[in-house]
C-alpha atoms as a PDB file:
ATOM      1  CA  MET A   1     -15.765   1.040  -0.346  1.00  0.00           C
ATOM      2  CA  ASN A   2     -17.779  -0.431   2.466  1.00  0.00           C
ATOM      3  CA  ASP A   3     -16.343  -2.683   5.186  1.00  0.00           C
ATOM      4  CA  THR A   4     -17.291  -5.873   3.342  1.00  0.00           C
ATOM      5  CA  GLU A   5     -15.412  -4.715   0.235  1.00  0.00           C
ATOM      6  CA  LEU A   6     -12.428  -3.520   2.276  1.00  0.00           C
ATOM      7  CA  LYS A   7     -12.252  -6.849   4.119  1.00  0.00           C
ATOM      8  CA  ALA A   8     -12.388  -8.772   0.830  1.00  0.00           C
ATOM      9  CA  LEU A   9      -9.645  -6.566  -0.628  1.00  0.00           C
ATOM     10  CA  LEU A  10      -7.361  -7.038   2.376  1.00  0.00           C
ATOM     11  CA  GLU A  11      -8.041 -10.757   2.736  1.00  0.00           C
ATOM     12  CA  GLY A  12      -7.411 -11.277  -0.971  1.00  0.00           C
ATOM     13  CA  ALA A  13      -3.971  -9.700  -0.678  1.00  0.00           C
ATOM     14  CA  ARG A  14      -0.642 -11.148   0.391  1.00  0.00           C
ATOM     15  CA  THR A  15       1.890  -8.539  -0.691  1.00  0.00           C
ATOM     16  CA  ILE A  16       1.596  -4.855   0.153  1.00  0.00           C
ATOM     17  CA  ALA A  17       4.172  -2.391  -1.174  1.00  0.00           C
ATOM     18  CA  VAL A  18       4.379   0.729   0.986  1.00  0.00           C
ATOM     19  CA  VAL A  19       5.482   3.755  -1.047  1.00  0.00           C
ATOM     20  CA  GLY A  20       6.998   6.269   1.334  1.00  0.00           C
ATOM     21  CA  ALA A  21       7.725   3.766   4.096  1.00  0.00           C
ATOM     22  CA  SER A  22       9.978   5.314   6.722  1.00  0.00           C
ATOM     23  CA  ALA A  23      12.855   3.988   8.802  1.00  0.00           C
ATOM     24  CA  ASN A  24      11.946   6.523  11.519  1.00  0.00           C
ATOM     25  CA  PRO A  25      10.008   4.686  14.259  1.00  0.00           C
ATOM     26  CA  ASP A  26       8.313   7.953  15.272  1.00  0.00           C
ATOM     27  CA  LYS A  27       6.445   8.164  11.957  1.00  0.00           C
ATOM     28  CA  ALA A  28       3.180   6.510  10.945  1.00  0.00           C
ATOM     29  CA  ALA A  29       4.982   5.467   7.742  1.00  0.00           C
ATOM     30  CA  ASN A  30       7.039   3.134   9.947  1.00  0.00           C
ATOM     31  CA  HIS A  31       4.364   2.049  12.416  1.00  0.00           C
ATOM     32  CA  ILE A  32       1.710   1.095   9.842  1.00  0.00           C
ATOM     33  CA  PRO A  33       4.074  -1.110   7.782  1.00  0.00           C
ATOM     34  CA  GLU A  34       4.939  -2.846  11.065  1.00  0.00           C
ATOM     35  CA  VAL A  35       1.220  -3.426  11.715  1.00  0.00           C
ATOM     36  CA  LEU A  36       0.973  -5.023   8.260  1.00  0.00           C
ATOM     37  CA  LEU A  37       3.965  -7.266   8.948  1.00  0.00           C
ATOM     38  CA  ASN A  38       2.508  -8.307  12.300  1.00  0.00           C
ATOM     39  CA  ALA A  39      -0.797  -9.176  10.601  1.00  0.00           C
ATOM     40  CA  GLY A  40       1.111 -11.571   8.342  1.00  0.00           C
ATOM     41  CA  TYR A  41       1.317  -9.601   5.105  1.00  0.00           C
ATOM     42  CA  THR A  42       4.487  -9.467   3.039  1.00  0.00           C
ATOM     43  CA  MET A  43       5.345  -5.786   3.363  1.00  0.00           C
ATOM     44  CA  ILE A  44       7.709  -4.311   0.802  1.00  0.00           C
ATOM     45  CA  PRO A  45       9.058  -0.843   1.608  1.00  0.00           C
ATOM     46  CA  VAL A  46       9.499   1.513  -1.336  1.00  0.00           C
ATOM     47  CA  HIS A  47      11.864   4.367  -0.508  1.00  0.00           C
ATOM     48  CA  PRO A  48      14.334   6.157  -2.815  1.00  0.00           C
ATOM     49  CA  THR A  49      17.368   5.829  -0.539  1.00  0.00           C
ATOM     50  CA  ALA A  50      16.714   3.232   2.167  1.00  0.00           C
ATOM     51  CA  GLN A  51      18.292  -0.206   1.869  1.00  0.00           C
ATOM     52  CA  GLU A  52      16.111  -1.819   4.531  1.00  0.00           C
ATOM     53  CA  ILE A  53      13.103  -0.850   6.647  1.00  0.00           C
ATOM     54  CA  LEU A  54      11.762  -3.022   9.471  1.00  0.00           C
ATOM     55  CA  GLY A  55      14.108  -5.803   8.415  1.00  0.00           C
ATOM     56  CA  GLN A  56      12.650  -5.869   4.894  1.00  0.00           C
ATOM     57  CA  THR A  57      14.639  -5.060   1.752  1.00  0.00           C
ATOM     58  CA  ALA A  58      13.634  -1.633   0.459  1.00  0.00           C
ATOM     59  CA  TYR A  59      13.335  -0.781  -3.224  1.00  0.00           C
ATOM     60  CA  ALA A  60      13.778   2.638  -4.813  1.00  0.00           C
ATOM     61  CA  SER A  61      10.649   2.300  -6.967  1.00  0.00           C
ATOM     62  CA  LEU A  62       7.680   0.026  -7.575  1.00  0.00           C
ATOM     63  CA  ALA A  63       9.250  -1.030 -10.887  1.00  0.00           C
ATOM     64  CA  GLU A  64      12.205  -2.530  -8.970  1.00  0.00           C
ATOM     65  CA  VAL A  65      10.063  -4.757  -6.727  1.00  0.00           C
ATOM     66  CA  PRO A  66      10.772  -8.337  -7.940  1.00  0.00           C
ATOM     67  CA  VAL A  67       7.440  -9.899  -6.899  1.00  0.00           C
ATOM     68  CA  LEU A  68       3.785  -9.377  -7.720  1.00  0.00           C
ATOM     69  CA  ILE A  69       2.178  -6.621  -5.663  1.00  0.00           C
ATOM     70  CA  ASP A  70      -1.414  -6.916  -4.502  1.00  0.00           C
ATOM     71  CA  ILE A  71      -1.848  -3.501  -2.868  1.00  0.00           C
ATOM     72  CA  VAL A  72       0.226  -0.338  -3.207  1.00  0.00           C
ATOM     73  CA  ASP A  73      -0.155   1.634   0.031  1.00  0.00           C
ATOM     74  CA  VAL A  74       0.817   5.305  -0.349  1.00  0.00           C
ATOM     75  CA  PHE A  75       2.452   7.483   2.308  1.00  0.00           C
ATOM     76  CA  ARG A  76       3.290  10.385  -0.035  1.00  0.00           C
ATOM     77  CA  PRO A  77       1.684  13.785  -0.604  1.00  0.00           C
ATOM     78  CA  SER A  78      -1.586  13.891  -2.545  1.00  0.00           C
ATOM     79  CA  ALA A  79       0.180  15.695  -5.403  1.00  0.00           C
ATOM     80  CA  GLU A  80       2.282  12.552  -6.030  1.00  0.00           C
ATOM     81  CA  ALA A  81      -0.615  10.086  -5.846  1.00  0.00           C
ATOM     82  CA  ALA A  82      -1.599  10.075  -9.534  1.00  0.00           C
ATOM     83  CA  GLY A  83       1.963   9.284 -10.615  1.00  0.00           C
ATOM     84  CA  ILE A  84       2.186   6.521  -8.032  1.00  0.00           C
ATOM     85  CA  ALA A  85      -1.159   5.137  -9.222  1.00  0.00           C
ATOM     86  CA  GLU A  86       0.230   5.055 -12.784  1.00  0.00           C
ATOM     87  CA  GLN A  87       3.277   3.134 -11.528  1.00  0.00           C
ATOM     88  CA  ALA A  88       1.023   0.748  -9.571  1.00  0.00           C
ATOM     89  CA  VAL A  89      -1.017   0.032 -12.700  1.00  0.00           C
ATOM     90  CA  ALA A  90       2.191  -0.470 -14.713  1.00  0.00           C
ATOM     91  CA  VAL A  91       3.452  -3.173 -12.315  1.00  0.00           C
ATOM     92  CA  GLY A  92       0.099  -4.967 -12.217  1.00  0.00           C
ATOM     93  CA  ALA A  93      -1.007  -4.091  -8.681  1.00  0.00           C
ATOM     94  CA  LYS A  94      -4.595  -4.998  -7.856  1.00  0.00           C
ATOM     95  CA  ALA A  95      -5.249  -1.958  -5.651  1.00  0.00           C
ATOM     96  CA  VAL A  96      -4.016   1.526  -4.805  1.00  0.00           C
ATOM     97  CA  TRP A  97      -4.607   2.611  -1.199  1.00  0.00           C
ATOM     98  CA  LEU A  98      -3.974   6.217  -0.129  1.00  0.00           C
ATOM     99  CA  GLN A  99      -3.362   6.607   3.582  1.00  0.00           C
ATOM    100  CA  ALA A 100      -5.459   8.773   5.901  1.00  0.00           C
ATOM    101  CA  GLY A 101      -5.237  12.416   4.876  1.00  0.00           C
ATOM    102  CA  ILE A 102      -4.228  11.628   1.294  1.00  0.00           C
ATOM    103  CA  THR A 103      -6.771  12.132  -1.495  1.00  0.00           C
ATOM    104  CA  SER A 104      -6.476  12.387  -5.259  1.00  0.00           C
ATOM    105  CA  ALA A 105      -9.271  12.405  -7.814  1.00  0.00           C
ATOM    106  CA  GLU A 106      -6.618  11.937 -10.509  1.00  0.00           C
ATOM    107  CA  ALA A 107      -5.187   8.828  -8.820  1.00  0.00           C
ATOM    108  CA  GLY A 108      -8.701   7.441  -8.463  1.00  0.00           C
ATOM    109  CA  GLU A 109      -9.370   7.992 -12.162  1.00  0.00           C
ATOM    110  CA  VAL A 110      -6.083   6.284 -13.139  1.00  0.00           C
ATOM    111  CA  ALA A 111      -6.958   3.280 -10.973  1.00  0.00           C
ATOM    112  CA  ARG A 112     -10.581   3.018 -12.104  1.00  0.00           C
ATOM    113  CA  GLN A 113      -9.680   3.276 -15.800  1.00  0.00           C
ATOM    114  CA  ALA A 114      -7.270   0.362 -15.315  1.00  0.00           C
ATOM    115  CA  GLY A 115      -9.787  -1.709 -13.344  1.00  0.00           C
ATOM    116  CA  VAL A 116      -7.722  -1.385 -10.163  1.00  0.00           C
ATOM    117  CA  ALA A 117      -9.382  -1.015  -6.757  1.00  0.00           C
ATOM    118  CA  PHE A 118      -8.907   2.409  -5.186  1.00  0.00           C
ATOM    119  CA  VAL A 119      -9.120   3.524  -1.552  1.00  0.00           C
ATOM    120  CA  GLU A 120      -8.276   7.012  -0.317  1.00  0.00           C
ATOM    121  CA  ASP A 121      -8.046   8.880   2.977  1.00  0.00           C
ATOM    122  CA  LEU A 122      -8.102   5.695   5.064  1.00  0.00           C
ATOM    123  CA  CYS A 123      -5.411   4.028   7.163  1.00  0.00           C
ATOM    124  CA  ILE A 124      -4.724   0.510   5.903  1.00  0.00           C
ATOM    125  CA  GLY A 125      -3.249  -0.575   9.251  1.00  0.00           C
ATOM    126  CA  GLU A 126      -6.176   0.639  11.342  1.00  0.00           C
ATOM    127  CA  THR A 127      -8.599  -0.870   8.824  1.00  0.00           C
ATOM    128  CA  SER A 128      -6.802  -4.215   8.892  1.00  0.00           C
ATOM    129  CA  LYS A 129      -6.899  -4.265  12.695  1.00  0.00           C
ATOM    130  CA  ARG A 130     -10.533  -3.108  12.884  1.00  0.00           C
ATOM    131  CA  LEU A 131     -11.689  -5.735  10.387  1.00  0.00           C
ATOM    132  CA  ASN A 132      -9.296  -8.394  11.760  1.00  0.00           C
ATOM    133  CA  THR A 133      -7.895  -9.220   8.322  1.00  0.00           C
ATOM    134  CA  HIS A 134      -5.070 -11.550   7.435  1.00  0.00           C
ATOM    135  CA  PRO A 135      -3.360 -12.209   4.107  1.00  0.00           C
ATOM    136  CA  ALA A 136      -4.591 -14.680   1.551  1.00  0.00           C
ATOM    137  CA  ARG A 137      -3.178 -18.185   1.785  1.00  0.00           C
ATOM    138  CA  GLU A 138      -1.903 -20.155  -1.187  1.00  0.00           C
END
């Protein structure tokens, strides 16, 4: 995706579920969700054992998230990305975004076959800051 497409994707989103969000403030999986919150997005942490991350209720899986998800941001190993993409498609997410350093041809194929936008190996927080994006308004 080029910058115009990335900006449109981010500005068309309100809710970003972060799979692999961390409660550890030393990790990027904590800092980047905070960047998203500060930009005005509704950030939903998805973590198998956490109850809350950055003051937001955490859910054990995407299927448990009780609201519509625009973007699923992935902070998990590449080997898990295809399964997460399948879950994202199942819950009706509009996009799957793999963080910097995470790539998966299989996840990309799952997303594309479902008509879901796919971004890989790119930091959503840095991209949001660089493109000065803010969530969609109702």
